[in-house]
C-alpha cells in the first residue's frame, strides 16, 4: 500500500520578518516583536442536504477584516487533506485536517487569503479506494460514502462562501489549491475535473506520475488517471480543454524523490503500472521529462520545476516559489 507521506509544512519559512522591533530596556538588547494573534479555525459539520457528508474547516485571517463590505472578491486557498495512511476511525482524519489548517494559519495571513481544509476519510477496509488521491476507484466506487469527493469539495467551497458572505465578505468561486504527495495527486486531478473552479494550482510530487493531458502516447491509450482517454466515462463530463489550458499550474518535484505510488495497488492497477513504466520509465525523474514535454505542448499556463538535492519534502526554496506563484495569480 502506498505510503505517500503528509508533508509537515514549514510555512513559517514563507513569512517575512517584520521591520518592527521591541526594545528590552532591562539589558538594552533588541527583542523580536511578539507574533500577531491568530484567529480561530471554524469547523463546519457535515451537511448531506447541501451535498457534503463530512465536515470541513475554514480560517479567515485578521488581515482580511478590512475587506468586509467591499465589492472586491477575496480568495480561498483550498488545501486537500492527506492523513498519510488509511484508517477506518474517522477521528484520525478529522484531527489531522484540523491540525493541518491550524498549522497553516500564518500562510493565510501572509497571502491575505482564507483557508479551507476538508476532513475526508481514507478507508482501511476499502483500502483500494484512495480518496485522498482522488484515484480512479474513488470516482467509480459504488460506496457512496467514498465517492466523488471532488464534488463534495465544491459544495464545501460554496457553503463557506455563503457563510462568509453573511459576515460581509465576498469570495470568488475560483480558488487557489495546493497539495503535496497524495494531496498533490488530488489537486492535480481536481484541476482537470473542474478547471472552471481553479484560479491557480500548485502540485508537489503527485505520486510519481501527474495525470497526462493527452489521450494516448505512442499509440497506447492512457486511461484516467494516467491520462484522459476515458475521462467522460470516469468523470461524467467531457474534459474542458480550453478551460484547463487557461489555468496556471505549478508542478514541482525533488530530484532525489523516490516516493512512487505507481507501484502500489491502492493508486494504480497492475496494467497501469506496467504501461507507465514501459512508456515513461521506472523512476520519477525519468518520467519527469515526459511530463515536461506533455504539459509544455498542451498546457501553456503550466510551469514545471525540478529541485536538485531534494527528496520527498518541500524545501525552503520550494516554499518561496509556491508563495510567489500564488501571489502572482491571486488577483487574476
C-alpha atoms as a PDB file:
ATOM      1  CA  UNK A   1       0.000   0.000   0.000  1.00  0.00           C
ATOM      2  CA  UNK A   2       1.270   3.433  -0.874  1.00  0.00           C
ATOM      3  CA  UNK A   3       2.946   5.397   1.829  1.00  0.00           C
ATOM      4  CA  UNK A   4       2.538   8.900   0.500  1.00  0.00           C
ATOM      5  CA  UNK A   5       3.584  10.918   3.473  1.00  0.00           C
ATOM      6  CA  UNK A   6       1.798  14.023   4.624  1.00  0.00           C
ATOM      7  CA  UNK A   7       4.219  16.900   4.318  1.00  0.00           C
ATOM      8  CA  UNK A   8       4.530  18.827   7.539  1.00  0.00           C
ATOM      9  CA  UNK A   9       4.521  22.250   6.019  1.00  0.00           C
ATOM     10  CA  UNK A  10       7.009  24.687   7.463  1.00  0.00           C
ATOM     11  CA  UNK A  11       5.068  27.670   6.242  1.00  0.00           C
ATOM     12  CA  UNK A  12       6.846  29.898   8.695  1.00  0.00           C
ATOM     13  CA  UNK A  13       9.584  29.989   6.074  1.00  0.00           C
ATOM     14  CA  UNK A  14       7.204  31.997   3.929  1.00  0.00           C
ATOM     15  CA  UNK A  15       6.594  34.713   6.470  1.00  0.00           C
ATOM     16  CA  UNK A  16       8.816  37.721   6.054  1.00  0.00           C
ATOM     17  CA  UNK A  17      10.111  39.171   9.326  1.00  0.00           C
ATOM     18  CA  UNK A  18       8.575  42.408  10.479  1.00  0.00           C
ATOM     19  CA  UNK A  19      10.669  45.551  10.457  1.00  0.00           C
ATOM     20  CA  UNK A  20       9.181  46.481  13.838  1.00  0.00           C
ATOM     21  CA  UNK A  21      11.298  45.785  16.896  1.00  0.00           C
ATOM     22  CA  UNK A  22      10.701  45.740  20.607  1.00  0.00           C
ATOM     23  CA  UNK A  23      13.463  47.111  22.855  1.00  0.00           C
ATOM     24  CA  UNK A  24      14.127  45.203  26.051  1.00  0.00           C
ATOM     25  CA  UNK A  25      15.248  48.105  28.248  1.00  0.00           C
ATOM     26  CA  UNK A  26      16.406  45.861  31.053  1.00  0.00           C
ATOM     27  CA  UNK A  27      19.520  44.921  29.113  1.00  0.00           C
ATOM     28  CA  UNK A  28      19.345  47.286  26.109  1.00  0.00           C
ATOM     29  CA  UNK A  29      19.006  44.372  23.692  1.00  0.00           C
ATOM     30  CA  UNK A  30      16.555  44.432  20.824  1.00  0.00           C
ATOM     31  CA  UNK A  31      13.947  41.700  21.217  1.00  0.00           C
ATOM     32  CA  UNK A  32      11.831  40.457  18.327  1.00  0.00           C
ATOM     33  CA  UNK A  33       8.189  41.561  18.291  1.00  0.00           C
ATOM     34  CA  UNK A  34       5.608  39.053  19.506  1.00  0.00           C
ATOM     35  CA  UNK A  35       3.882  37.124  16.720  1.00  0.00           C
ATOM     36  CA  UNK A  36       0.490  38.512  15.686  1.00  0.00           C
ATOM     37  CA  UNK A  37      -2.519  36.944  17.336  1.00  0.00           C
ATOM     38  CA  UNK A  38      -4.136  34.266  15.209  1.00  0.00           C
ATOM     39  CA  UNK A  39      -7.877  33.954  14.748  1.00  0.00           C
ATOM     40  CA  UNK A  40      -9.667  30.707  15.479  1.00  0.00           C
ATOM     41  CA  UNK A  41     -10.346  27.957  12.974  1.00  0.00           C
ATOM     42  CA  UNK A  42     -14.038  27.298  12.294  1.00  0.00           C
ATOM     43  CA  UNK A  43     -15.393  23.758  11.965  1.00  0.00           C
ATOM     44  CA  UNK A  44     -18.472  23.212   9.811  1.00  0.00           C
ATOM     45  CA  UNK A  45     -20.349  19.979  10.391  1.00  0.00           C
ATOM     46  CA  UNK A  46     -21.321  17.622   7.584  1.00  0.00           C
ATOM     47  CA  UNK A  47     -24.497  18.659   5.779  1.00  0.00           C
ATOM     48  CA  UNK A  48     -25.631  15.928   3.369  1.00  0.00           C
ATOM     49  CA  UNK A  49     -28.623  18.040   2.332  1.00  0.00           C
ATOM     50  CA  UNK A  50     -26.139  20.579   0.939  1.00  0.00           C
ATOM     51  CA  UNK A  51     -24.035  17.972  -0.810  1.00  0.00           C
ATOM     52  CA  UNK A  52     -21.198  17.222   1.623  1.00  0.00           C
ATOM     53  CA  UNK A  53     -21.210  14.260   4.002  1.00  0.00           C
ATOM     54  CA  UNK A  54     -18.125  15.213   6.020  1.00  0.00           C
ATOM     55  CA  UNK A  55     -17.068  18.287   7.978  1.00  0.00           C
ATOM     56  CA  UNK A  56     -14.646  20.916   6.786  1.00  0.00           C
ATOM     57  CA  UNK A  57     -12.566  23.641   8.409  1.00  0.00           C
ATOM     58  CA  UNK A  58     -12.042  27.211   7.306  1.00  0.00           C
ATOM     59  CA  UNK A  59      -9.965  30.096   8.558  1.00  0.00           C
ATOM     60  CA  UNK A  60     -10.166  33.820   7.850  1.00  0.00           C
ATOM     61  CA  UNK A  61      -7.002  35.710   8.865  1.00  0.00           C
ATOM     62  CA  UNK A  62      -7.327  39.029  10.738  1.00  0.00           C
ATOM     63  CA  UNK A  63      -5.674  40.742   7.759  1.00  0.00           C
ATOM     64  CA  UNK A  64      -8.926  40.334   5.796  1.00  0.00           C
ATOM     65  CA  UNK A  65     -11.129  42.121   8.335  1.00  0.00           C
ATOM     66  CA  UNK A  66     -10.744  45.400   6.445  1.00  0.00           C
ATOM     67  CA  UNK A  67     -12.239  43.791   3.324  1.00  0.00           C
ATOM     68  CA  UNK A  68     -15.706  43.394   4.805  1.00  0.00           C
ATOM     69  CA  UNK A  69     -18.376  45.183   2.831  1.00  0.00           C
ATOM     70  CA  UNK A  70     -16.146  45.837  -0.148  1.00  0.00           C
ATOM     71  CA  UNK A  71     -17.235  44.864  -3.639  1.00  0.00           C
ATOM     72  CA  UNK A  72     -13.938  43.108  -4.273  1.00  0.00           C
ATOM     73  CA  UNK A  73     -13.830  39.321  -4.325  1.00  0.00           C
ATOM     74  CA  UNK A  74     -11.406  37.670  -1.923  1.00  0.00           C
ATOM     75  CA  UNK A  75      -9.821  34.259  -2.477  1.00  0.00           C
ATOM     76  CA  UNK A  76      -9.928  30.906  -0.745  1.00  0.00           C
ATOM     77  CA  UNK A  77      -6.849  28.709  -0.667  1.00  0.00           C
ATOM     78  CA  UNK A  78      -8.072  25.102  -0.584  1.00  0.00           C
ATOM     79  CA  UNK A  79      -5.760  22.501   0.925  1.00  0.00           C
ATOM     80  CA  UNK A  80      -6.963  18.906   0.383  1.00  0.00           C
ATOM     81  CA  UNK A  81      -6.331  16.814   3.477  1.00  0.00           C
ATOM     82  CA  UNK A  82      -3.838  13.947   3.416  1.00  0.00           C
ATOM     83  CA  UNK A  83      -3.623  11.948   6.621  1.00  0.00           C
ATOM     84  CA  UNK A  84      -0.772   9.868   5.223  1.00  0.00           C
ATOM     85  CA  UNK A  85      -2.356   6.497   5.984  1.00  0.00           C
ATOM     86  CA  UNK A  86      -5.697   4.682   5.718  1.00  0.00           C
ATOM     87  CA  UNK A  87      -7.762   4.352   8.872  1.00  0.00           C
ATOM     88  CA  UNK A  88     -11.400   3.440   9.440  1.00  0.00           C
ATOM     89  CA  UNK A  89     -11.543   5.640  12.527  1.00  0.00           C
ATOM     90  CA  UNK A  90     -12.811   8.932  11.102  1.00  0.00           C
ATOM     91  CA  UNK A  91     -11.480  10.873  14.094  1.00  0.00           C
ATOM     92  CA  UNK A  92      -7.931  10.177  12.843  1.00  0.00           C
ATOM     93  CA  UNK A  93      -8.610  12.025   9.589  1.00  0.00           C
ATOM     94  CA  UNK A  94     -10.693  14.732  11.236  1.00  0.00           C
ATOM     95  CA  UNK A  95      -7.978  15.538  13.785  1.00  0.00           C
ATOM     96  CA  UNK A  96      -5.329  15.524  11.067  1.00  0.00           C
ATOM     97  CA  UNK A  97      -7.328  18.013   8.982  1.00  0.00           C
ATOM     98  CA  UNK A  98      -7.752  20.323  11.977  1.00  0.00           C
ATOM     99  CA  UNK A  99      -4.044  20.261  12.816  1.00  0.00           C
ATOM    100  CA  UNK A 100      -3.207  20.930   9.178  1.00  0.00           C
ATOM    101  CA  UNK A 101      -5.235  24.113   8.887  1.00  0.00           C
ATOM    102  CA  UNK A 102      -4.159  25.329  12.331  1.00  0.00           C
ATOM    103  CA  UNK A 103      -0.525  24.927  11.306  1.00  0.00           C
ATOM    104  CA  UNK A 104      -1.098  26.931   8.125  1.00  0.00           C
ATOM    105  CA  UNK A 105      -2.877  29.945   9.594  1.00  0.00           C
ATOM    106  CA  UNK A 106       0.159  32.180   9.133  1.00  0.00           C
ATOM    107  CA  UNK A 107       0.159  31.315   5.441  1.00  0.00           C
ATOM    108  CA  UNK A 108      -3.354  32.742   5.225  1.00  0.00           C
ATOM    109  CA  UNK A 109      -2.144  35.897   6.931  1.00  0.00           C
ATOM    110  CA  UNK A 110       0.900  36.128   4.697  1.00  0.00           C
ATOM    111  CA  UNK A 111      -1.021  35.792   1.434  1.00  0.00           C
ATOM    112  CA  UNK A 112      -4.167  37.507   2.756  1.00  0.00           C
ATOM    113  CA  UNK A 113      -6.378  34.596   1.780  1.00  0.00           C
ATOM    114  CA  UNK A 114      -8.849  32.459   3.683  1.00  0.00           C
ATOM    115  CA  UNK A 115      -8.077  28.749   4.064  1.00  0.00           C
ATOM    116  CA  UNK A 116     -10.308  25.710   3.660  1.00  0.00           C
ATOM    117  CA  UNK A 117      -9.413  22.110   4.521  1.00  0.00           C
ATOM    118  CA  UNK A 118     -11.896  19.249   4.034  1.00  0.00           C
ATOM    119  CA  UNK A 119     -11.953  16.383   6.522  1.00  0.00           C
ATOM    120  CA  UNK A 120     -12.339  13.499   4.088  1.00  0.00           C
ATOM    121  CA  UNK A 121     -11.765   9.917   5.256  1.00  0.00           C
ATOM    122  CA  UNK A 122      -9.390   7.416   3.723  1.00  0.00           C
ATOM    123  CA  UNK A 123     -10.717   3.896   4.411  1.00  0.00           C
ATOM    124  CA  UNK A 124      -8.599   0.958   5.531  1.00  0.00           C
ATOM    125  CA  UNK A 125     -11.162  -1.787   4.927  1.00  0.00           C
ATOM    126  CA  UNK A 126     -11.681  -0.491   1.362  1.00  0.00           C
ATOM    127  CA  UNK A 127      -8.032   0.496   1.008  1.00  0.00           C
ATOM    128  CA  UNK A 128      -8.044   0.448  -2.789  1.00  0.00           C
ATOM    129  CA  UNK A 129     -10.341   3.460  -2.750  1.00  0.00           C
ATOM    130  CA  UNK A 130      -7.632   6.084  -2.363  1.00  0.00           C
ATOM    131  CA  UNK A 131      -9.893   9.008  -1.641  1.00  0.00           C
ATOM    132  CA  UNK A 132      -7.112  11.390  -0.603  1.00  0.00           C
ATOM    133  CA  UNK A 133      -5.550  10.977  -4.047  1.00  0.00           C
ATOM    134  CA  UNK A 134      -8.847  11.196  -5.976  1.00  0.00           C
ATOM    135  CA  UNK A 135      -7.958   7.940  -7.732  1.00  0.00           C
ATOM    136  CA  UNK A 136      -9.974   6.020 -10.277  1.00  0.00           C
ATOM    137  CA  UNK A 137     -11.745   3.932  -7.641  1.00  0.00           C
ATOM    138  CA  UNK A 138     -12.887   6.998  -5.722  1.00  0.00           C
ATOM    139  CA  UNK A 139     -14.693   8.258  -8.841  1.00  0.00           C
ATOM    140  CA  UNK A 140     -16.275   4.929  -9.761  1.00  0.00           C
ATOM    141  CA  UNK A 141     -16.912   3.142  -6.440  1.00  0.00           C
ATOM    142  CA  UNK A 142     -20.465   2.158  -5.564  1.00  0.00           C
ATOM    143  CA  UNK A 143     -19.756   3.033  -1.937  1.00  0.00           C
ATOM    144  CA  UNK A 144     -21.500   6.386  -1.703  1.00  0.00           C
ATOM    145  CA  UNK A 145     -19.593   7.364   1.428  1.00  0.00           C
ATOM    146  CA  UNK A 146     -16.318   7.394  -0.557  1.00  0.00           C
ATOM    147  CA  UNK A 147     -17.446   8.528  -3.972  1.00  0.00           C
ATOM    148  CA  UNK A 148     -16.816  11.832  -5.752  1.00  0.00           C
ATOM    149  CA  UNK A 149     -15.065  13.831  -3.070  1.00  0.00           C
ATOM    150  CA  UNK A 150     -14.284  16.347  -5.812  1.00  0.00           C
ATOM    151  CA  UNK A 151     -17.966  17.261  -5.994  1.00  0.00           C
ATOM    152  CA  UNK A 152     -18.302  17.327  -2.221  1.00  0.00           C
ATOM    153  CA  UNK A 153     -15.368  19.720  -2.023  1.00  0.00           C
ATOM    154  CA  UNK A 154     -17.099  22.102  -4.436  1.00  0.00           C
ATOM    155  CA  UNK A 155     -20.170  22.062  -2.183  1.00  0.00           C
ATOM    156  CA  UNK A 156     -17.946  22.834   0.815  1.00  0.00           C
ATOM    157  CA  UNK A 157     -16.358  25.759  -1.022  1.00  0.00           C
ATOM    158  CA  UNK A 158     -19.750  27.201  -1.942  1.00  0.00           C
ATOM    159  CA  UNK A 159     -21.060  26.686   1.589  1.00  0.00           C
ATOM    160  CA  UNK A 160     -18.054  28.552   3.012  1.00  0.00           C
ATOM    161  CA  UNK A 161     -18.587  31.379   0.532  1.00  0.00           C
ATOM    162  CA  UNK A 162     -22.216  31.689   1.646  1.00  0.00           C
ATOM    163  CA  UNK A 163     -21.236  31.745   5.322  1.00  0.00           C
ATOM    164  CA  UNK A 164     -18.582  34.349   4.706  1.00  0.00           C
ATOM    165  CA  UNK A 165     -20.984  36.455   2.673  1.00  0.00           C
ATOM    166  CA  UNK A 166     -23.230  36.673   5.727  1.00  0.00           C
ATOM    167  CA  UNK A 167     -20.218  38.114   7.584  1.00  0.00           C
ATOM    168  CA  UNK A 168     -19.769  40.821   4.960  1.00  0.00           C
ATOM    169  CA  UNK A 169     -17.142  39.140   2.786  1.00  0.00           C
ATOM    170  CA  UNK A 170     -17.311  38.389  -0.886  1.00  0.00           C
ATOM    171  CA  UNK A 171     -15.321  35.396  -2.164  1.00  0.00           C
ATOM    172  CA  UNK A 172     -14.574  34.297  -5.715  1.00  0.00           C
ATOM    173  CA  UNK A 173     -15.914  30.868  -6.695  1.00  0.00           C
ATOM    174  CA  UNK A 174     -12.496  30.160  -8.201  1.00  0.00           C
ATOM    175  CA  UNK A 175      -9.955  29.063  -5.629  1.00  0.00           C
ATOM    176  CA  UNK A 176      -6.255  28.573  -5.217  1.00  0.00           C
ATOM    177  CA  UNK A 177      -5.373  24.965  -4.452  1.00  0.00           C
ATOM    178  CA  UNK A 178      -2.210  23.400  -3.073  1.00  0.00           C
ATOM    179  CA  UNK A 179      -1.298  19.793  -2.406  1.00  0.00           C
ATOM    180  CA  UNK A 180       1.802  17.699  -1.890  1.00  0.00           C
ATOM    181  CA  UNK A 181       2.172  13.913  -2.325  1.00  0.00           C
ATOM    182  CA  UNK A 182      -1.310  12.323  -2.188  1.00  0.00           C
ATOM    183  CA  UNK A 183      -2.846  15.785  -1.807  1.00  0.00           C
ATOM    184  CA  UNK A 184      -0.805  16.772  -4.867  1.00  0.00           C
ATOM    185  CA  UNK A 185      -2.476  13.947  -6.784  1.00  0.00           C
ATOM    186  CA  UNK A 186      -5.866  15.185  -5.576  1.00  0.00           C
ATOM    187  CA  UNK A 187      -5.060  18.771  -6.583  1.00  0.00           C
ATOM    188  CA  UNK A 188      -3.728  17.725  -9.980  1.00  0.00           C
ATOM    189  CA  UNK A 189      -6.783  15.601 -10.776  1.00  0.00           C
ATOM    190  CA  UNK A 190      -9.309  18.034  -9.324  1.00  0.00           C
ATOM    191  CA  UNK A 191      -7.924  20.719 -11.627  1.00  0.00           C
ATOM    192  CA  UNK A 192      -8.545  18.505 -14.641  1.00  0.00           C
ATOM    193  CA  UNK A 193     -12.046  17.661 -13.418  1.00  0.00           C
ATOM    194  CA  UNK A 194     -13.058  21.242 -12.557  1.00  0.00           C
ATOM    195  CA  UNK A 195     -10.794  23.814 -14.233  1.00  0.00           C
ATOM    196  CA  UNK A 196     -13.546  26.429 -14.040  1.00  0.00           C
ATOM    197  CA  UNK A 197     -13.204  26.416 -10.241  1.00  0.00           C
ATOM    198  CA  UNK A 198      -9.428  26.851 -10.113  1.00  0.00           C
ATOM    199  CA  UNK A 199      -7.679  30.226 -10.170  1.00  0.00           C
ATOM    200  CA  UNK A 200      -4.222  28.613  -9.835  1.00  0.00           C
ATOM    201  CA  UNK A 201      -2.948  25.283  -8.502  1.00  0.00           C
ATOM    202  CA  UNK A 202       0.398  24.197  -7.047  1.00  0.00           C
ATOM    203  CA  UNK A 203       1.098  20.459  -7.269  1.00  0.00           C
ATOM    204  CA  UNK A 204       4.037  18.880  -5.444  1.00  0.00           C
ATOM    205  CA  UNK A 205       5.332  15.343  -6.055  1.00  0.00           C
ATOM    206  CA  UNK A 206       1.995  13.913  -7.238  1.00  0.00           C
ATOM    207  CA  UNK A 207       2.620  10.226  -6.671  1.00  0.00           C
ATOM    208  CA  UNK A 208       5.161   9.516  -9.343  1.00  0.00           C
ATOM    209  CA  UNK A 209       3.012  10.498 -12.311  1.00  0.00           C
ATOM    210  CA  UNK A 210       0.941  13.658 -12.881  1.00  0.00           C
ATOM    211  CA  UNK A 211      -2.134  12.986 -14.995  1.00  0.00           C
ATOM    212  CA  UNK A 212      -1.160  13.433 -18.647  1.00  0.00           C
ATOM    213  CA  UNK A 213      -3.187  15.986 -20.637  1.00  0.00           C
ATOM    214  CA  UNK A 214      -3.380  13.580 -23.606  1.00  0.00           C
ATOM    215  CA  UNK A 215      -5.493  10.554 -24.534  1.00  0.00           C
ATOM    216  CA  UNK A 216      -2.679   8.427 -25.898  1.00  0.00           C
ATOM    217  CA  UNK A 217       1.091   8.148 -26.228  1.00  0.00           C
ATOM    218  CA  UNK A 218       2.932   6.165 -28.878  1.00  0.00           C
ATOM    219  CA  UNK A 219      -0.323   4.534 -29.885  1.00  0.00           C
ATOM    220  CA  UNK A 220      -1.199   3.439 -26.347  1.00  0.00           C
ATOM    221  CA  UNK A 221      -4.427   4.642 -24.755  1.00  0.00           C
ATOM    222  CA  UNK A 222      -3.939   6.419 -21.421  1.00  0.00           C
ATOM    223  CA  UNK A 223      -6.938   5.927 -19.168  1.00  0.00           C
ATOM    224  CA  UNK A 224      -7.618   8.022 -16.048  1.00  0.00           C
ATOM    225  CA  UNK A 225      -5.537   8.791 -14.011  1.00  0.00           C
ATOM    226  CA  UNK A 226      -2.605   8.054 -16.353  1.00  0.00           C
ATOM    227  CA  UNK A 227      -4.197  10.295 -18.953  1.00  0.00           C
ATOM    228  CA  UNK A 228      -7.625  11.393 -20.172  1.00  0.00           C
ATOM    229  CA  UNK A 229      -8.634   8.737 -22.708  1.00  0.00           C
ATOM    230  CA  UNK A 230     -11.775   7.719 -20.807  1.00  0.00           C
ATOM    231  CA  UNK A 231     -12.268  10.991 -18.999  1.00  0.00           C
ATOM    232  CA  UNK A 232     -16.009  11.276 -19.718  1.00  0.00           C
ATOM    233  CA  UNK A 233     -16.655   7.660 -18.702  1.00  0.00           C
ATOM    234  CA  UNK A 234     -14.953   8.171 -15.351  1.00  0.00           C
ATOM    235  CA  UNK A 235     -15.990  11.738 -14.562  1.00  0.00           C
ATOM    236  CA  UNK A 236     -19.354  12.010 -16.306  1.00  0.00           C
ATOM    237  CA  UNK A 237     -18.248  15.115 -18.211  1.00  0.00           C
ATOM    238  CA  UNK A 238     -16.080  15.902 -21.196  1.00  0.00           C
ATOM    239  CA  UNK A 239     -12.676  17.352 -20.448  1.00  0.00           C
ATOM    240  CA  UNK A 240     -12.828  21.148 -20.648  1.00  0.00           C
ATOM    241  CA  UNK A 241      -9.646  21.504 -22.660  1.00  0.00           C
ATOM    242  CA  UNK A 242      -9.984  25.250 -23.235  1.00  0.00           C
ATOM    243  CA  UNK A 243     -10.643  25.918 -19.580  1.00  0.00           C
ATOM    244  CA  UNK A 244      -7.764  23.699 -18.468  1.00  0.00           C
ATOM    245  CA  UNK A 245      -5.315  25.443 -20.792  1.00  0.00           C
ATOM    246  CA  UNK A 246      -6.077  28.743 -19.054  1.00  0.00           C
ATOM    247  CA  UNK A 247      -5.353  27.517 -15.518  1.00  0.00           C
ATOM    248  CA  UNK A 248      -1.914  28.483 -14.139  1.00  0.00           C
ATOM    249  CA  UNK A 249      -0.285  25.296 -12.841  1.00  0.00           C
ATOM    250  CA  UNK A 250       2.928  24.902 -10.886  1.00  0.00           C
ATOM    251  CA  UNK A 251       4.220  21.332 -10.741  1.00  0.00           C
ATOM    252  CA  UNK A 252       7.370  20.642  -8.743  1.00  0.00           C
ATOM    253  CA  UNK A 253       9.467  17.661  -7.720  1.00  0.00           C
ATOM    254  CA  UNK A 254      12.646  16.981  -5.774  1.00  0.00           C
ATOM    255  CA  UNK A 255      15.370  15.423  -7.901  1.00  0.00           C
ATOM    256  CA  UNK A 256      16.009  12.829  -5.171  1.00  0.00           C
ATOM    257  CA  UNK A 257      12.351  11.983  -4.573  1.00  0.00           C
ATOM    258  CA  UNK A 258      11.659   8.237  -4.743  1.00  0.00           C
ATOM    259  CA  UNK A 259       8.128   8.182  -3.280  1.00  0.00           C
ATOM    260  CA  UNK A 260       6.409   6.338  -6.106  1.00  0.00           C
ATOM    261  CA  UNK A 261       2.712   5.458  -5.869  1.00  0.00           C
ATOM    262  CA  UNK A 262       2.694   3.868  -9.325  1.00  0.00           C
ATOM    263  CA  UNK A 263       3.910   0.570  -7.889  1.00  0.00           C
ATOM    264  CA  UNK A 264       1.180   0.357  -5.227  1.00  0.00           C
ATOM    265  CA  UNK A 265      -2.251  -1.130  -5.820  1.00  0.00           C
ATOM    266  CA  UNK A 266      -4.170   1.491  -3.887  1.00  0.00           C
ATOM    267  CA  UNK A 267      -3.036   4.007  -6.516  1.00  0.00           C
ATOM    268  CA  UNK A 268      -2.744   2.141  -9.830  1.00  0.00           C
ATOM    269  CA  UNK A 269      -3.697  -1.267 -11.172  1.00  0.00           C
ATOM    270  CA  UNK A 270      -1.010  -3.680 -12.373  1.00  0.00           C
ATOM    271  CA  UNK A 271      -1.754  -2.890 -16.019  1.00  0.00           C
ATOM    272  CA  UNK A 272      -1.437   0.834 -15.283  1.00  0.00           C
ATOM    273  CA  UNK A 273       1.934   0.343 -13.600  1.00  0.00           C
ATOM    274  CA  UNK A 274       3.229  -1.746 -16.479  1.00  0.00           C
ATOM    275  CA  UNK A 275       2.099   0.815 -19.041  1.00  0.00           C
ATOM    276  CA  UNK A 276       3.613   3.778 -17.194  1.00  0.00           C
ATOM    277  CA  UNK A 277       6.955   2.026 -16.764  1.00  0.00           C
ATOM    278  CA  UNK A 278       7.026   0.826 -20.369  1.00  0.00           C
ATOM    279  CA  UNK A 279       6.219   4.258 -21.813  1.00  0.00           C
ATOM    280  CA  UNK A 280       7.784   6.679 -19.372  1.00  0.00           C
ATOM    281  CA  UNK A 281      10.386   4.915 -17.228  1.00  0.00           C
ATOM    282  CA  UNK A 282      10.858   3.255 -13.853  1.00  0.00           C
ATOM    283  CA  UNK A 283      11.771   6.298 -11.783  1.00  0.00           C
ATOM    284  CA  UNK A 284      10.086   9.584 -11.019  1.00  0.00           C
ATOM    285  CA  UNK A 285      12.933  11.502 -12.604  1.00  0.00           C
ATOM    286  CA  UNK A 286      12.803   9.504 -15.848  1.00  0.00           C
ATOM    287  CA  UNK A 287       9.091  10.213 -16.115  1.00  0.00           C
ATOM    288  CA  UNK A 288       9.503  13.904 -15.311  1.00  0.00           C
ATOM    289  CA  UNK A 289      10.972  14.582 -18.749  1.00  0.00           C
ATOM    290  CA  UNK A 290       7.830  13.176 -20.411  1.00  0.00           C
ATOM    291  CA  UNK A 291       5.609  15.223 -18.103  1.00  0.00           C
ATOM    292  CA  UNK A 292       7.514  18.359 -19.089  1.00  0.00           C
ATOM    293  CA  UNK A 293       7.027  17.537 -22.756  1.00  0.00           C
ATOM    294  CA  UNK A 294       3.309  16.787 -22.475  1.00  0.00           C
ATOM    295  CA  UNK A 295       2.450  19.753 -20.285  1.00  0.00           C
ATOM    296  CA  UNK A 296       4.665  22.056 -22.312  1.00  0.00           C
ATOM    297  CA  UNK A 297       2.909  21.134 -25.553  1.00  0.00           C
ATOM    298  CA  UNK A 298      -0.669  21.038 -24.241  1.00  0.00           C
ATOM    299  CA  UNK A 299      -0.945  23.332 -21.211  1.00  0.00           C
ATOM    300  CA  UNK A 300       0.775  26.671 -21.916  1.00  0.00           C
ATOM    301  CA  UNK A 301      -0.056  28.092 -18.469  1.00  0.00           C
ATOM    302  CA  UNK A 302       1.827  25.298 -16.691  1.00  0.00           C
ATOM    303  CA  UNK A 303       5.266  25.678 -15.112  1.00  0.00           C
ATOM    304  CA  UNK A 304       7.320  22.641 -14.084  1.00  0.00           C
ATOM    305  CA  UNK A 305      10.393  22.756 -11.893  1.00  0.00           C
ATOM    306  CA  UNK A 306      12.804  20.096 -10.650  1.00  0.00           C
ATOM    307  CA  UNK A 307      14.783  20.893  -7.492  1.00  0.00           C
ATOM    308  CA  UNK A 308      18.249  19.340  -7.019  1.00  0.00           C
ATOM    309  CA  UNK A 309      19.203  17.640  -3.765  1.00  0.00           C
ATOM    310  CA  UNK A 310      15.618  17.480  -2.500  1.00  0.00           C
ATOM    311  CA  UNK A 311      13.781  14.251  -1.638  1.00  0.00           C
ATOM    312  CA  UNK A 312      10.116  13.745  -0.761  1.00  0.00           C
ATOM    313  CA  UNK A 313       9.777  17.018   1.088  1.00  0.00           C
ATOM    314  CA  UNK A 314       9.163  20.704   0.496  1.00  0.00           C
ATOM    315  CA  UNK A 315      12.328  22.756   0.736  1.00  0.00           C
ATOM    316  CA  UNK A 316      12.655  26.420   1.659  1.00  0.00           C
ATOM    317  CA  UNK A 317      13.228  27.265  -1.994  1.00  0.00           C
ATOM    318  CA  UNK A 318      10.088  25.387  -2.993  1.00  0.00           C
ATOM    319  CA  UNK A 319       8.014  27.268  -0.425  1.00  0.00           C
ATOM    320  CA  UNK A 320       9.357  30.546  -1.718  1.00  0.00           C
ATOM    321  CA  UNK A 321       8.334  29.624  -5.251  1.00  0.00           C
ATOM    322  CA  UNK A 322       4.892  28.469  -4.111  1.00  0.00           C
ATOM    323  CA  UNK A 323       4.328  31.768  -2.354  1.00  0.00           C
ATOM    324  CA  UNK A 324       5.476  33.762  -5.390  1.00  0.00           C
ATOM    325  CA  UNK A 325       3.274  31.663  -7.680  1.00  0.00           C
ATOM    326  CA  UNK A 326       0.131  32.236  -5.641  1.00  0.00           C
ATOM    327  CA  UNK A 327       0.902  35.927  -5.128  1.00  0.00           C
ATOM    328  CA  UNK A 328       1.237  36.367  -8.881  1.00  0.00           C
ATOM    329  CA  UNK A 329      -2.152  34.812  -9.666  1.00  0.00           C
ATOM    330  CA  UNK A 330      -4.079  35.833  -6.565  1.00  0.00           C
ATOM    331  CA  UNK A 331      -5.967  38.721  -8.153  1.00  0.00           C
ATOM    332  CA  UNK A 332      -6.467  37.381 -11.667  1.00  0.00           C
END
